[in-house]
N, C-alpha and C. Protein backbone atom coordinates (compact mmCIF):
# COMPACT_ATOMS: atom_id res chain seq x y z
N MET A 1 0.04 10.51 -16.08
CA MET A 1 1.35 9.86 -15.94
C MET A 1 1.57 9.45 -14.48
N ILE A 2 1.87 8.18 -14.29
CA ILE A 2 2.05 7.63 -12.94
C ILE A 2 3.54 7.60 -12.61
N GLY A 3 3.89 8.11 -11.46
CA GLY A 3 5.27 8.05 -11.00
C GLY A 3 5.45 6.91 -10.01
N ILE A 4 6.43 6.05 -10.26
CA ILE A 4 6.77 4.98 -9.33
C ILE A 4 8.00 5.43 -8.57
N VAL A 5 7.89 5.50 -7.26
CA VAL A 5 8.96 6.05 -6.42
C VAL A 5 10.10 5.04 -6.31
N ASP A 6 11.27 5.45 -6.74
CA ASP A 6 12.46 4.60 -6.68
C ASP A 6 13.34 5.08 -5.53
N TYR A 7 13.38 4.28 -4.45
CA TYR A 7 14.28 4.59 -3.33
C TYR A 7 15.14 3.38 -3.00
N GLY A 8 15.23 2.46 -3.96
CA GLY A 8 16.12 1.32 -3.83
C GLY A 8 15.57 0.13 -3.08
N MET A 9 14.24 0.14 -2.75
CA MET A 9 13.70 -0.95 -1.96
C MET A 9 12.35 -1.45 -2.47
N GLY A 10 12.01 -1.16 -3.70
CA GLY A 10 10.71 -1.58 -4.21
C GLY A 10 10.85 -2.58 -5.33
N ASN A 11 9.82 -3.40 -5.51
CA ASN A 11 9.79 -4.33 -6.64
C ASN A 11 9.30 -3.57 -7.87
N LEU A 12 10.19 -2.77 -8.42
CA LEU A 12 9.81 -1.85 -9.49
C LEU A 12 9.40 -2.58 -10.76
N PHE A 13 10.04 -3.72 -11.02
CA PHE A 13 9.78 -4.43 -12.26
C PHE A 13 8.34 -4.93 -12.33
N SER A 14 7.89 -5.63 -11.27
CA SER A 14 6.54 -6.21 -11.32
C SER A 14 5.47 -5.13 -11.31
N VAL A 15 5.70 -4.05 -10.56
CA VAL A 15 4.72 -2.96 -10.53
C VAL A 15 4.63 -2.28 -11.89
N SER A 16 5.78 -2.01 -12.49
CA SER A 16 5.77 -1.34 -13.80
C SER A 16 5.14 -2.23 -14.87
N LYS A 17 5.39 -3.53 -14.81
CA LYS A 17 4.79 -4.44 -15.78
C LYS A 17 3.27 -4.48 -15.64
N ALA A 18 2.79 -4.38 -14.41
CA ALA A 18 1.34 -4.35 -14.20
C ALA A 18 0.73 -3.10 -14.84
N LEU A 19 1.39 -1.97 -14.70
CA LEU A 19 0.90 -0.74 -15.33
C LEU A 19 0.93 -0.85 -16.85
N GLU A 20 1.96 -1.51 -17.37
CA GLU A 20 2.02 -1.73 -18.82
C GLU A 20 0.85 -2.57 -19.29
N ARG A 21 0.52 -3.61 -18.53
CA ARG A 21 -0.61 -4.46 -18.92
C ARG A 21 -1.92 -3.69 -18.91
N LEU A 22 -1.99 -2.67 -18.06
CA LEU A 22 -3.19 -1.84 -17.99
C LEU A 22 -3.16 -0.67 -18.99
N GLY A 23 -2.09 -0.60 -19.77
CA GLY A 23 -1.98 0.43 -20.80
C GLY A 23 -1.75 1.82 -20.26
N THR A 24 -1.09 1.92 -19.12
CA THR A 24 -0.88 3.22 -18.45
C THR A 24 0.55 3.70 -18.59
N GLU A 25 0.72 4.96 -18.90
CA GLU A 25 2.06 5.54 -18.97
C GLU A 25 2.60 5.77 -17.56
N TYR A 26 3.88 5.52 -17.39
CA TYR A 26 4.49 5.66 -16.08
C TYR A 26 5.96 6.03 -16.24
N PHE A 27 6.56 6.45 -15.15
CA PHE A 27 8.02 6.61 -15.10
C PHE A 27 8.49 6.18 -13.72
N ILE A 28 9.73 5.78 -13.63
CA ILE A 28 10.36 5.39 -12.37
C ILE A 28 11.42 6.42 -12.04
N SER A 29 11.35 6.99 -10.85
CA SER A 29 12.28 8.07 -10.53
C SER A 29 12.43 8.25 -9.02
N GLY A 30 13.56 8.80 -8.64
CA GLY A 30 13.78 9.25 -7.27
C GLY A 30 13.97 10.75 -7.22
N ASP A 31 13.74 11.42 -8.34
CA ASP A 31 13.93 12.86 -8.44
C ASP A 31 12.70 13.61 -7.95
N LYS A 32 12.89 14.53 -7.04
CA LYS A 32 11.77 15.24 -6.42
C LYS A 32 10.92 15.97 -7.45
N LYS A 33 11.53 16.72 -8.34
CA LYS A 33 10.77 17.50 -9.32
C LYS A 33 9.92 16.60 -10.20
N GLU A 34 10.51 15.50 -10.65
CA GLU A 34 9.76 14.58 -11.50
C GLU A 34 8.60 13.95 -10.74
N LEU A 35 8.85 13.52 -9.51
CA LEU A 35 7.79 12.87 -8.75
C LEU A 35 6.64 13.82 -8.46
N LEU A 36 6.94 15.06 -8.13
CA LEU A 36 5.88 16.03 -7.84
C LEU A 36 5.06 16.39 -9.07
N SER A 37 5.62 16.15 -10.25
CA SER A 37 4.91 16.45 -11.50
C SER A 37 3.94 15.35 -11.90
N ALA A 38 4.02 14.19 -11.27
CA ALA A 38 3.19 13.05 -11.64
C ALA A 38 1.72 13.29 -11.31
N ASP A 39 0.84 12.61 -12.04
CA ASP A 39 -0.59 12.68 -11.75
C ASP A 39 -0.94 11.84 -10.52
N ALA A 40 -0.12 10.84 -10.23
CA ALA A 40 -0.29 9.99 -9.05
C ALA A 40 1.04 9.31 -8.78
N LEU A 41 1.21 8.87 -7.54
CA LEU A 41 2.43 8.15 -7.18
C LEU A 41 2.09 6.76 -6.66
N LEU A 42 2.94 5.80 -7.03
CA LEU A 42 2.93 4.48 -6.44
C LEU A 42 4.18 4.36 -5.58
N LEU A 43 3.99 3.98 -4.33
CA LEU A 43 5.10 3.80 -3.39
C LEU A 43 5.22 2.31 -3.07
N PRO A 44 6.07 1.59 -3.81
CA PRO A 44 6.24 0.17 -3.53
C PRO A 44 7.22 -0.02 -2.38
N GLY A 45 7.45 -1.27 -1.99
CA GLY A 45 8.43 -1.48 -0.94
C GLY A 45 8.58 -2.95 -0.60
N VAL A 46 9.82 -3.36 -0.43
CA VAL A 46 10.14 -4.71 0.02
C VAL A 46 11.32 -4.59 0.99
N GLY A 47 11.17 -5.14 2.21
CA GLY A 47 12.28 -5.08 3.15
C GLY A 47 11.91 -4.43 4.45
N SER A 48 12.89 -3.80 5.08
CA SER A 48 12.75 -3.27 6.44
C SER A 48 12.17 -1.85 6.45
N PHE A 49 11.23 -1.62 7.38
CA PHE A 49 10.62 -0.30 7.57
C PHE A 49 11.68 0.75 7.87
N ARG A 50 12.58 0.44 8.82
CA ARG A 50 13.61 1.41 9.21
C ARG A 50 14.50 1.78 8.03
N ASP A 51 14.97 0.77 7.29
CA ASP A 51 15.82 1.04 6.13
C ASP A 51 15.10 1.88 5.10
N ALA A 52 13.80 1.59 4.90
CA ALA A 52 13.02 2.34 3.92
C ALA A 52 12.90 3.80 4.31
N MET A 53 12.61 4.07 5.58
CA MET A 53 12.46 5.46 6.01
C MET A 53 13.77 6.22 5.91
N GLU A 54 14.89 5.53 6.09
CA GLU A 54 16.19 6.19 5.96
C GLU A 54 16.50 6.54 4.51
N ARG A 55 16.01 5.74 3.57
CA ARG A 55 16.30 5.96 2.15
C ARG A 55 15.28 6.87 1.47
N LEU A 56 14.06 6.87 1.98
CA LEU A 56 12.96 7.56 1.33
C LEU A 56 13.09 9.09 1.45
N GLN A 57 12.71 9.78 0.38
CA GLN A 57 12.64 11.24 0.43
C GLN A 57 11.31 11.62 1.11
N VAL A 58 11.35 11.65 2.42
CA VAL A 58 10.13 11.83 3.20
C VAL A 58 9.43 13.14 2.85
N ASP A 59 10.17 14.22 2.75
CA ASP A 59 9.56 15.52 2.47
C ASP A 59 8.87 15.53 1.11
N THR A 60 9.45 14.82 0.13
CA THR A 60 8.85 14.76 -1.21
C THR A 60 7.51 14.05 -1.15
N ILE A 61 7.45 12.92 -0.46
CA ILE A 61 6.20 12.17 -0.38
C ILE A 61 5.13 12.97 0.37
N LYS A 62 5.52 13.61 1.45
CA LYS A 62 4.56 14.41 2.21
C LYS A 62 4.07 15.61 1.39
N GLU A 63 4.97 16.21 0.66
CA GLU A 63 4.57 17.35 -0.18
C GLU A 63 3.61 16.89 -1.26
N PHE A 64 3.89 15.74 -1.86
CA PHE A 64 2.99 15.22 -2.89
C PHE A 64 1.62 14.93 -2.29
N ALA A 65 1.59 14.33 -1.11
CA ALA A 65 0.32 14.00 -0.46
C ALA A 65 -0.54 15.24 -0.26
N GLN A 66 0.09 16.37 0.01
CA GLN A 66 -0.64 17.61 0.26
C GLN A 66 -1.24 18.21 -1.01
N THR A 67 -0.82 17.74 -2.17
CA THR A 67 -1.37 18.26 -3.43
C THR A 67 -2.78 17.75 -3.69
N GLY A 68 -3.16 16.68 -3.00
CA GLY A 68 -4.47 16.09 -3.24
C GLY A 68 -4.48 15.06 -4.35
N LYS A 69 -3.36 14.88 -5.02
CA LYS A 69 -3.28 13.86 -6.07
C LYS A 69 -3.12 12.48 -5.43
N PRO A 70 -3.62 11.44 -6.08
CA PRO A 70 -3.64 10.11 -5.46
C PRO A 70 -2.24 9.53 -5.21
N LEU A 71 -2.11 8.89 -4.06
CA LEU A 71 -0.88 8.21 -3.65
C LEU A 71 -1.26 6.82 -3.18
N LEU A 72 -0.60 5.80 -3.73
CA LEU A 72 -0.88 4.42 -3.37
C LEU A 72 0.38 3.72 -2.88
N GLY A 73 0.36 3.25 -1.64
CA GLY A 73 1.45 2.46 -1.10
C GLY A 73 1.15 0.98 -1.22
N ILE A 74 2.14 0.20 -1.62
CA ILE A 74 1.98 -1.24 -1.81
C ILE A 74 2.93 -2.00 -0.90
N CYS A 75 2.39 -2.97 -0.16
CA CYS A 75 3.14 -3.83 0.75
C CYS A 75 3.87 -2.96 1.79
N LEU A 76 5.19 -2.99 1.85
CA LEU A 76 5.92 -2.12 2.78
C LEU A 76 5.56 -0.66 2.51
N GLY A 77 5.33 -0.31 1.26
CA GLY A 77 4.93 1.06 0.92
C GLY A 77 3.67 1.49 1.62
N MET A 78 2.72 0.57 1.81
CA MET A 78 1.51 0.88 2.57
C MET A 78 1.86 1.12 4.03
N GLN A 79 2.70 0.27 4.61
CA GLN A 79 3.06 0.41 6.02
C GLN A 79 3.73 1.75 6.29
N LEU A 80 4.52 2.22 5.35
CA LEU A 80 5.23 3.49 5.51
C LEU A 80 4.27 4.67 5.63
N LEU A 81 3.04 4.52 5.15
CA LEU A 81 2.07 5.61 5.22
C LEU A 81 1.62 5.89 6.64
N PHE A 82 1.84 4.94 7.55
CA PHE A 82 1.33 5.05 8.91
C PHE A 82 2.35 5.72 9.84
N GLU A 83 2.00 5.81 11.12
CA GLU A 83 2.75 6.65 12.05
C GLU A 83 4.06 6.05 12.52
N SER A 84 4.10 4.73 12.71
CA SER A 84 5.31 4.12 13.24
C SER A 84 5.31 2.63 13.02
N SER A 85 6.48 2.01 13.22
CA SER A 85 6.62 0.56 13.17
C SER A 85 7.58 0.13 14.28
N ASP A 86 7.36 -1.08 14.82
CA ASP A 86 8.28 -1.59 15.83
C ASP A 86 9.33 -2.52 15.22
N GLU A 87 9.46 -2.50 13.89
CA GLU A 87 10.44 -3.35 13.23
C GLU A 87 11.86 -2.81 13.47
N ASN A 88 12.73 -3.63 14.03
CA ASN A 88 14.11 -3.22 14.34
C ASN A 88 14.16 -1.99 15.23
N GLY A 89 13.25 -1.94 16.19
CA GLY A 89 13.17 -0.77 17.06
C GLY A 89 12.14 0.20 16.53
N LEU A 90 11.56 0.99 17.42
CA LEU A 90 10.50 1.91 17.02
C LEU A 90 11.02 2.93 16.01
N THR A 91 10.32 3.01 14.87
CA THR A 91 10.71 3.92 13.79
C THR A 91 9.51 4.74 13.36
N GLU A 92 9.69 6.03 13.23
CA GLU A 92 8.61 6.92 12.79
C GLU A 92 8.36 6.74 11.30
N GLY A 93 7.06 6.70 10.93
CA GLY A 93 6.67 6.60 9.54
C GLY A 93 6.27 7.95 8.96
N LEU A 94 5.58 7.91 7.83
CA LEU A 94 5.18 9.15 7.16
C LEU A 94 4.04 9.86 7.89
N GLY A 95 3.26 9.12 8.65
CA GLY A 95 2.18 9.73 9.42
C GLY A 95 1.03 10.27 8.58
N LEU A 96 0.83 9.71 7.39
CA LEU A 96 -0.26 10.17 6.53
C LEU A 96 -1.58 9.50 6.88
N LEU A 97 -1.50 8.37 7.58
CA LEU A 97 -2.69 7.67 8.05
C LEU A 97 -2.46 7.28 9.52
N PRO A 98 -3.54 7.20 10.32
CA PRO A 98 -3.38 6.91 11.75
C PRO A 98 -3.24 5.41 12.01
N GLY A 99 -2.19 5.03 12.71
CA GLY A 99 -2.00 3.64 13.06
C GLY A 99 -0.53 3.30 13.17
N ASP A 100 -0.25 2.09 13.65
CA ASP A 100 1.13 1.64 13.76
C ASP A 100 1.28 0.25 13.17
N VAL A 101 2.51 -0.16 12.99
CA VAL A 101 2.82 -1.43 12.34
C VAL A 101 3.46 -2.36 13.36
N ARG A 102 2.93 -3.58 13.45
CA ARG A 102 3.37 -4.53 14.46
C ARG A 102 3.72 -5.87 13.81
N ARG A 103 4.60 -6.61 14.45
CA ARG A 103 4.97 -7.94 13.95
C ARG A 103 3.92 -8.97 14.36
N PHE A 104 3.60 -9.89 13.45
CA PHE A 104 2.79 -11.03 13.85
C PHE A 104 3.48 -11.76 14.99
N PRO A 105 2.81 -12.01 16.09
CA PRO A 105 3.48 -12.65 17.22
C PRO A 105 3.90 -14.09 16.95
N GLY A 106 3.24 -14.76 16.00
CA GLY A 106 3.61 -16.15 15.70
C GLY A 106 3.01 -17.16 16.65
N LYS A 107 2.20 -16.69 17.60
CA LYS A 107 1.55 -17.58 18.55
C LYS A 107 0.20 -16.99 18.91
N THR A 108 -0.84 -17.81 18.87
CA THR A 108 -2.18 -17.36 19.23
C THR A 108 -2.30 -17.25 20.75
N PRO A 109 -3.34 -16.56 21.25
CA PRO A 109 -3.56 -16.51 22.70
C PRO A 109 -3.72 -17.89 23.32
N GLU A 110 -4.13 -18.86 22.49
CA GLU A 110 -4.31 -20.23 22.98
C GLU A 110 -3.01 -21.03 22.94
N GLY A 111 -1.94 -20.40 22.45
CA GLY A 111 -0.65 -21.07 22.41
C GLY A 111 -0.32 -21.78 21.11
N GLU A 112 -1.20 -21.67 20.13
CA GLU A 112 -0.95 -22.29 18.83
C GLU A 112 0.13 -21.52 18.08
N ILE A 113 1.14 -22.22 17.59
CA ILE A 113 2.21 -21.60 16.82
C ILE A 113 1.80 -21.51 15.35
N TYR A 114 2.04 -20.37 14.72
CA TYR A 114 1.76 -20.24 13.29
C TYR A 114 2.94 -19.59 12.58
N LYS A 115 2.96 -19.78 11.28
CA LYS A 115 4.11 -19.38 10.48
C LYS A 115 4.17 -17.87 10.26
N VAL A 116 5.33 -17.29 10.44
CA VAL A 116 5.62 -15.90 10.09
C VAL A 116 6.88 -15.92 9.22
N PRO A 117 6.84 -15.32 8.02
CA PRO A 117 5.85 -14.38 7.52
C PRO A 117 4.53 -15.02 7.07
N HIS A 118 3.52 -14.18 7.00
CA HIS A 118 2.25 -14.52 6.37
C HIS A 118 2.51 -14.53 4.87
N MET A 119 2.43 -15.70 4.26
CA MET A 119 2.77 -15.82 2.85
C MET A 119 1.74 -16.70 2.15
N GLY A 120 1.07 -16.15 1.16
CA GLY A 120 0.12 -16.94 0.39
C GLY A 120 -1.16 -16.16 0.09
N TRP A 121 -2.15 -16.90 -0.38
CA TRP A 121 -3.41 -16.31 -0.82
C TRP A 121 -4.42 -16.28 0.32
N ASN A 122 -4.96 -15.11 0.59
CA ASN A 122 -6.01 -14.94 1.58
C ASN A 122 -7.14 -14.11 0.98
N LYS A 123 -8.33 -14.38 1.47
CA LYS A 123 -9.50 -13.70 0.92
C LYS A 123 -9.69 -12.32 1.53
N LEU A 124 -9.97 -11.35 0.67
CA LEU A 124 -10.32 -10.01 1.14
C LEU A 124 -11.76 -9.98 1.60
N GLU A 125 -12.01 -9.25 2.67
CA GLU A 125 -13.37 -8.97 3.12
C GLU A 125 -13.56 -7.45 3.08
N PHE A 126 -14.48 -6.99 2.24
CA PHE A 126 -14.71 -5.56 2.10
C PHE A 126 -15.42 -5.04 3.35
N VAL A 127 -14.91 -3.95 3.88
CA VAL A 127 -15.43 -3.39 5.13
C VAL A 127 -16.36 -2.22 4.86
N GLN A 128 -16.01 -1.39 3.91
CA GLN A 128 -16.85 -0.24 3.57
C GLN A 128 -16.64 0.11 2.11
N SER A 129 -17.55 0.88 1.57
CA SER A 129 -17.49 1.24 0.15
C SER A 129 -16.34 2.21 -0.09
N SER A 130 -15.76 2.08 -1.27
CA SER A 130 -14.66 2.94 -1.68
C SER A 130 -14.55 2.88 -3.19
N PRO A 131 -14.10 3.97 -3.83
CA PRO A 131 -13.86 3.90 -5.27
C PRO A 131 -12.87 2.80 -5.65
N LEU A 132 -11.96 2.45 -4.74
CA LEU A 132 -11.00 1.39 -5.04
C LEU A 132 -11.68 0.04 -5.19
N LEU A 133 -12.80 -0.15 -4.49
CA LEU A 133 -13.49 -1.44 -4.47
C LEU A 133 -14.71 -1.47 -5.38
N LYS A 134 -14.92 -0.41 -6.12
CA LYS A 134 -16.13 -0.26 -6.93
C LYS A 134 -16.27 -1.39 -7.94
N ASN A 135 -17.45 -1.99 -7.95
CA ASN A 135 -17.82 -3.05 -8.90
C ASN A 135 -16.95 -4.31 -8.79
N LEU A 136 -16.34 -4.52 -7.62
CA LEU A 136 -15.49 -5.70 -7.43
C LEU A 136 -16.15 -6.66 -6.44
N ASP A 137 -15.81 -7.93 -6.57
CA ASP A 137 -16.28 -8.96 -5.65
C ASP A 137 -15.12 -9.40 -4.76
N GLU A 138 -15.45 -9.79 -3.55
CA GLU A 138 -14.44 -10.30 -2.63
C GLU A 138 -13.79 -11.54 -3.23
N ASP A 139 -12.46 -11.59 -3.16
CA ASP A 139 -11.73 -12.72 -3.74
C ASP A 139 -10.36 -12.79 -3.06
N TYR A 140 -9.51 -13.68 -3.54
CA TYR A 140 -8.23 -13.92 -2.91
C TYR A 140 -7.13 -13.06 -3.52
N VAL A 141 -6.20 -12.63 -2.67
CA VAL A 141 -5.04 -11.84 -3.11
C VAL A 141 -3.79 -12.41 -2.43
N TYR A 142 -2.64 -12.00 -2.91
CA TYR A 142 -1.39 -12.64 -2.50
C TYR A 142 -0.60 -11.75 -1.53
N PHE A 143 -0.36 -12.30 -0.33
CA PHE A 143 0.35 -11.59 0.73
C PHE A 143 1.74 -12.18 0.94
N VAL A 144 2.70 -11.31 1.28
CA VAL A 144 4.01 -11.73 1.79
C VAL A 144 4.44 -10.66 2.80
N HIS A 145 4.26 -10.92 4.11
CA HIS A 145 4.64 -9.91 5.10
C HIS A 145 4.71 -10.51 6.49
N SER A 146 5.62 -9.95 7.29
CA SER A 146 5.78 -10.37 8.68
C SER A 146 5.18 -9.36 9.65
N TYR A 147 4.83 -8.19 9.15
CA TYR A 147 4.28 -7.11 9.97
C TYR A 147 2.93 -6.70 9.40
N PHE A 148 2.04 -6.24 10.27
CA PHE A 148 0.70 -5.83 9.85
C PHE A 148 0.35 -4.49 10.47
N VAL A 149 -0.55 -3.78 9.82
CA VAL A 149 -0.97 -2.46 10.28
C VAL A 149 -2.09 -2.58 11.30
N ASN A 150 -1.91 -1.93 12.42
CA ASN A 150 -2.95 -1.76 13.42
C ASN A 150 -3.53 -0.36 13.21
N ALA A 151 -4.63 -0.29 12.48
CA ALA A 151 -5.24 1.01 12.15
C ALA A 151 -5.95 1.56 13.37
N LYS A 152 -5.57 2.76 13.79
CA LYS A 152 -6.16 3.36 14.99
C LYS A 152 -7.54 3.95 14.72
N ASP A 153 -7.85 4.21 13.47
CA ASP A 153 -9.12 4.80 13.08
C ASP A 153 -9.78 3.85 12.09
N SER A 154 -10.90 3.25 12.48
CA SER A 154 -11.55 2.25 11.63
C SER A 154 -12.03 2.84 10.30
N SER A 155 -12.15 4.17 10.24
CA SER A 155 -12.65 4.78 9.00
C SER A 155 -11.67 4.64 7.84
N VAL A 156 -10.40 4.35 8.13
CA VAL A 156 -9.42 4.19 7.04
C VAL A 156 -9.37 2.75 6.53
N LEU A 157 -10.03 1.82 7.22
CA LEU A 157 -9.99 0.41 6.83
C LEU A 157 -11.06 0.14 5.78
N LEU A 158 -10.61 -0.20 4.57
CA LEU A 158 -11.53 -0.45 3.46
C LEU A 158 -11.77 -1.94 3.24
N ALA A 159 -10.74 -2.76 3.45
CA ALA A 159 -10.87 -4.20 3.31
C ALA A 159 -9.89 -4.87 4.25
N LYS A 160 -10.26 -6.05 4.75
CA LYS A 160 -9.41 -6.76 5.70
C LYS A 160 -9.26 -8.21 5.29
N ALA A 161 -8.29 -8.86 5.90
CA ALA A 161 -8.10 -10.30 5.76
C ALA A 161 -7.79 -10.84 7.14
N ASP A 162 -7.83 -12.14 7.28
CA ASP A 162 -7.56 -12.74 8.57
C ASP A 162 -6.35 -13.67 8.49
N TYR A 163 -5.38 -13.44 9.37
CA TYR A 163 -4.26 -14.36 9.53
C TYR A 163 -3.89 -14.36 11.01
N HIS A 164 -4.74 -14.97 11.80
CA HIS A 164 -4.58 -15.02 13.26
C HIS A 164 -4.67 -13.64 13.90
N GLU A 165 -4.63 -12.61 13.11
CA GLU A 165 -4.86 -11.22 13.50
C GLU A 165 -5.70 -10.60 12.40
N GLN A 166 -6.38 -9.52 12.71
CA GLN A 166 -7.05 -8.78 11.64
C GLN A 166 -5.99 -8.04 10.84
N VAL A 167 -5.90 -8.34 9.57
CA VAL A 167 -4.92 -7.70 8.68
C VAL A 167 -5.60 -6.58 7.92
N SER A 168 -5.11 -5.37 8.10
CA SER A 168 -5.60 -4.23 7.30
C SER A 168 -5.05 -4.42 5.89
N ALA A 169 -5.93 -4.82 4.98
CA ALA A 169 -5.48 -5.21 3.64
C ALA A 169 -5.56 -4.08 2.63
N VAL A 170 -6.64 -3.30 2.69
CA VAL A 170 -6.77 -2.11 1.84
C VAL A 170 -7.17 -0.96 2.74
N VAL A 171 -6.45 0.14 2.66
CA VAL A 171 -6.74 1.31 3.50
C VAL A 171 -6.86 2.54 2.61
N GLY A 172 -7.51 3.56 3.15
CA GLY A 172 -7.61 4.79 2.38
C GLY A 172 -8.31 5.90 3.13
N ARG A 173 -7.86 7.11 2.87
CA ARG A 173 -8.52 8.31 3.36
C ARG A 173 -8.15 9.45 2.44
N ASP A 174 -9.15 10.18 1.97
CA ASP A 174 -8.92 11.27 1.02
C ASP A 174 -8.15 10.75 -0.20
N ASN A 175 -6.95 11.25 -0.43
CA ASN A 175 -6.18 10.85 -1.62
C ASN A 175 -5.10 9.81 -1.31
N ILE A 176 -5.06 9.32 -0.07
CA ILE A 176 -4.01 8.38 0.35
C ILE A 176 -4.58 6.97 0.45
N PHE A 177 -3.95 6.01 -0.24
CA PHE A 177 -4.44 4.64 -0.27
C PHE A 177 -3.28 3.67 -0.05
N GLY A 178 -3.62 2.48 0.40
CA GLY A 178 -2.60 1.45 0.58
C GLY A 178 -3.16 0.06 0.39
N MET A 179 -2.31 -0.85 -0.09
CA MET A 179 -2.66 -2.27 -0.22
C MET A 179 -1.52 -3.08 0.38
N GLN A 180 -1.83 -3.90 1.40
CA GLN A 180 -0.81 -4.67 2.08
C GLN A 180 -0.29 -5.81 1.22
N PHE A 181 -1.13 -6.38 0.41
CA PHE A 181 -0.77 -7.47 -0.49
C PHE A 181 -0.12 -6.90 -1.75
N HIS A 182 0.24 -7.80 -2.65
CA HIS A 182 0.83 -7.39 -3.93
C HIS A 182 -0.24 -7.45 -5.02
N PRO A 183 -0.86 -6.33 -5.37
CA PRO A 183 -1.92 -6.39 -6.39
C PRO A 183 -1.41 -6.89 -7.73
N GLU A 184 -0.15 -6.57 -8.04
CA GLU A 184 0.41 -6.97 -9.33
C GLU A 184 0.65 -8.47 -9.42
N LYS A 185 0.57 -9.16 -8.27
CA LYS A 185 0.74 -10.62 -8.24
C LYS A 185 -0.54 -11.33 -7.83
N SER A 186 -1.64 -10.58 -7.80
CA SER A 186 -2.89 -11.09 -7.24
C SER A 186 -3.96 -11.33 -8.30
N SER A 187 -3.54 -11.77 -9.47
CA SER A 187 -4.45 -12.22 -10.51
C SER A 187 -5.51 -11.17 -10.84
N LYS A 188 -6.73 -11.63 -11.11
CA LYS A 188 -7.79 -10.77 -11.62
C LYS A 188 -8.15 -9.65 -10.66
N LEU A 189 -8.34 -9.97 -9.37
CA LEU A 189 -8.75 -8.95 -8.41
C LEU A 189 -7.66 -7.90 -8.24
N GLY A 190 -6.41 -8.33 -8.17
CA GLY A 190 -5.33 -7.37 -8.01
C GLY A 190 -5.26 -6.37 -9.14
N MET A 191 -5.39 -6.86 -10.36
CA MET A 191 -5.34 -5.96 -11.51
C MET A 191 -6.56 -5.04 -11.53
N ALA A 192 -7.71 -5.56 -11.10
CA ALA A 192 -8.92 -4.74 -11.06
C ALA A 192 -8.78 -3.62 -10.04
N LEU A 193 -8.15 -3.92 -8.90
CA LEU A 193 -7.91 -2.88 -7.89
C LEU A 193 -6.99 -1.79 -8.44
N LEU A 194 -5.94 -2.19 -9.14
CA LEU A 194 -5.05 -1.20 -9.75
C LEU A 194 -5.80 -0.39 -10.80
N ALA A 195 -6.66 -1.05 -11.58
CA ALA A 195 -7.44 -0.35 -12.60
C ALA A 195 -8.36 0.68 -11.96
N ASN A 196 -8.95 0.34 -10.81
CA ASN A 196 -9.81 1.29 -10.11
C ASN A 196 -9.00 2.47 -9.59
N PHE A 197 -7.79 2.21 -9.12
CA PHE A 197 -6.93 3.32 -8.68
C PHE A 197 -6.63 4.25 -9.85
N LEU A 198 -6.33 3.67 -11.01
CA LEU A 198 -6.04 4.48 -12.19
C LEU A 198 -7.27 5.28 -12.64
N GLN A 199 -8.45 4.71 -12.43
CA GLN A 199 -9.67 5.44 -12.75
C GLN A 199 -9.82 6.65 -11.83
N LEU A 200 -9.46 6.49 -10.57
CA LEU A 200 -9.45 7.63 -9.63
C LEU A 200 -8.53 8.74 -10.13
N VAL A 201 -7.38 8.33 -10.65
CA VAL A 201 -6.41 9.30 -11.17
C VAL A 201 -7.03 10.07 -12.33
N GLU A 202 -7.67 9.36 -13.24
CA GLU A 202 -8.28 10.00 -14.41
C GLU A 202 -9.39 10.96 -14.00
N GLU A 203 -10.20 10.53 -13.02
CA GLU A 203 -11.28 11.40 -12.55
C GLU A 203 -10.71 12.66 -11.89
N GLY A 204 -9.61 12.51 -11.17
CA GLY A 204 -8.97 13.67 -10.56
C GLY A 204 -8.45 14.64 -11.59
N LYS A 205 -7.87 14.12 -12.66
CA LYS A 205 -7.36 14.97 -13.73
C LYS A 205 -8.48 15.73 -14.41
N ALA A 206 -9.66 15.09 -14.52
CA ALA A 206 -10.79 15.73 -15.18
C ALA A 206 -11.32 16.90 -14.36
N ILE A 207 -11.22 16.76 -13.03
CA ILE A 207 -11.70 17.82 -12.14
C ILE A 207 -10.76 19.01 -12.13
N GLN A 208 -9.46 18.75 -12.26
CA GLN A 208 -8.46 19.83 -12.16
C GLN A 208 -8.61 20.83 -13.30
């Protein structure tokens, strides 16, 4: 059973519909007891990092992470997994992965102006092997974001994209994973990535 974290800032409808298409049971909740009982958590997010951290049950997410069960952050939800963000002033994150979140400057070192937010289809480049990327080919996924993760430890970077900066697109360490793009809106590859995450969940349940 997958728990989708409801803290008032996630695109719960599209994420839940994606799980339905994959035939997976899920629930949407902000209740600590219910969330801790889940086999895995999805942490979606749309909006401001600071607002999200103020609304999020930080202790619940950290406690769940310590159980070893899989946790997947999507878009803003992925950014929240890191140590801090400079959005609307420096804000502390969950600190589950090493790195910080920075705004696209909107100008290259050569002075070229580019559009922020980064919005549209960009190709993933796989950086290292991971169960999330198993049996998948590099393809395009759909991004909508003005901030990007600067991963301090390259070992957590599983796939990247390029938008005038290196974009940490898929990250992971131990049971903590993140996708900067919207897998539920990213056609075949996005659904395959979610399916691989669900396979991780099933394998974890078999071990327990």
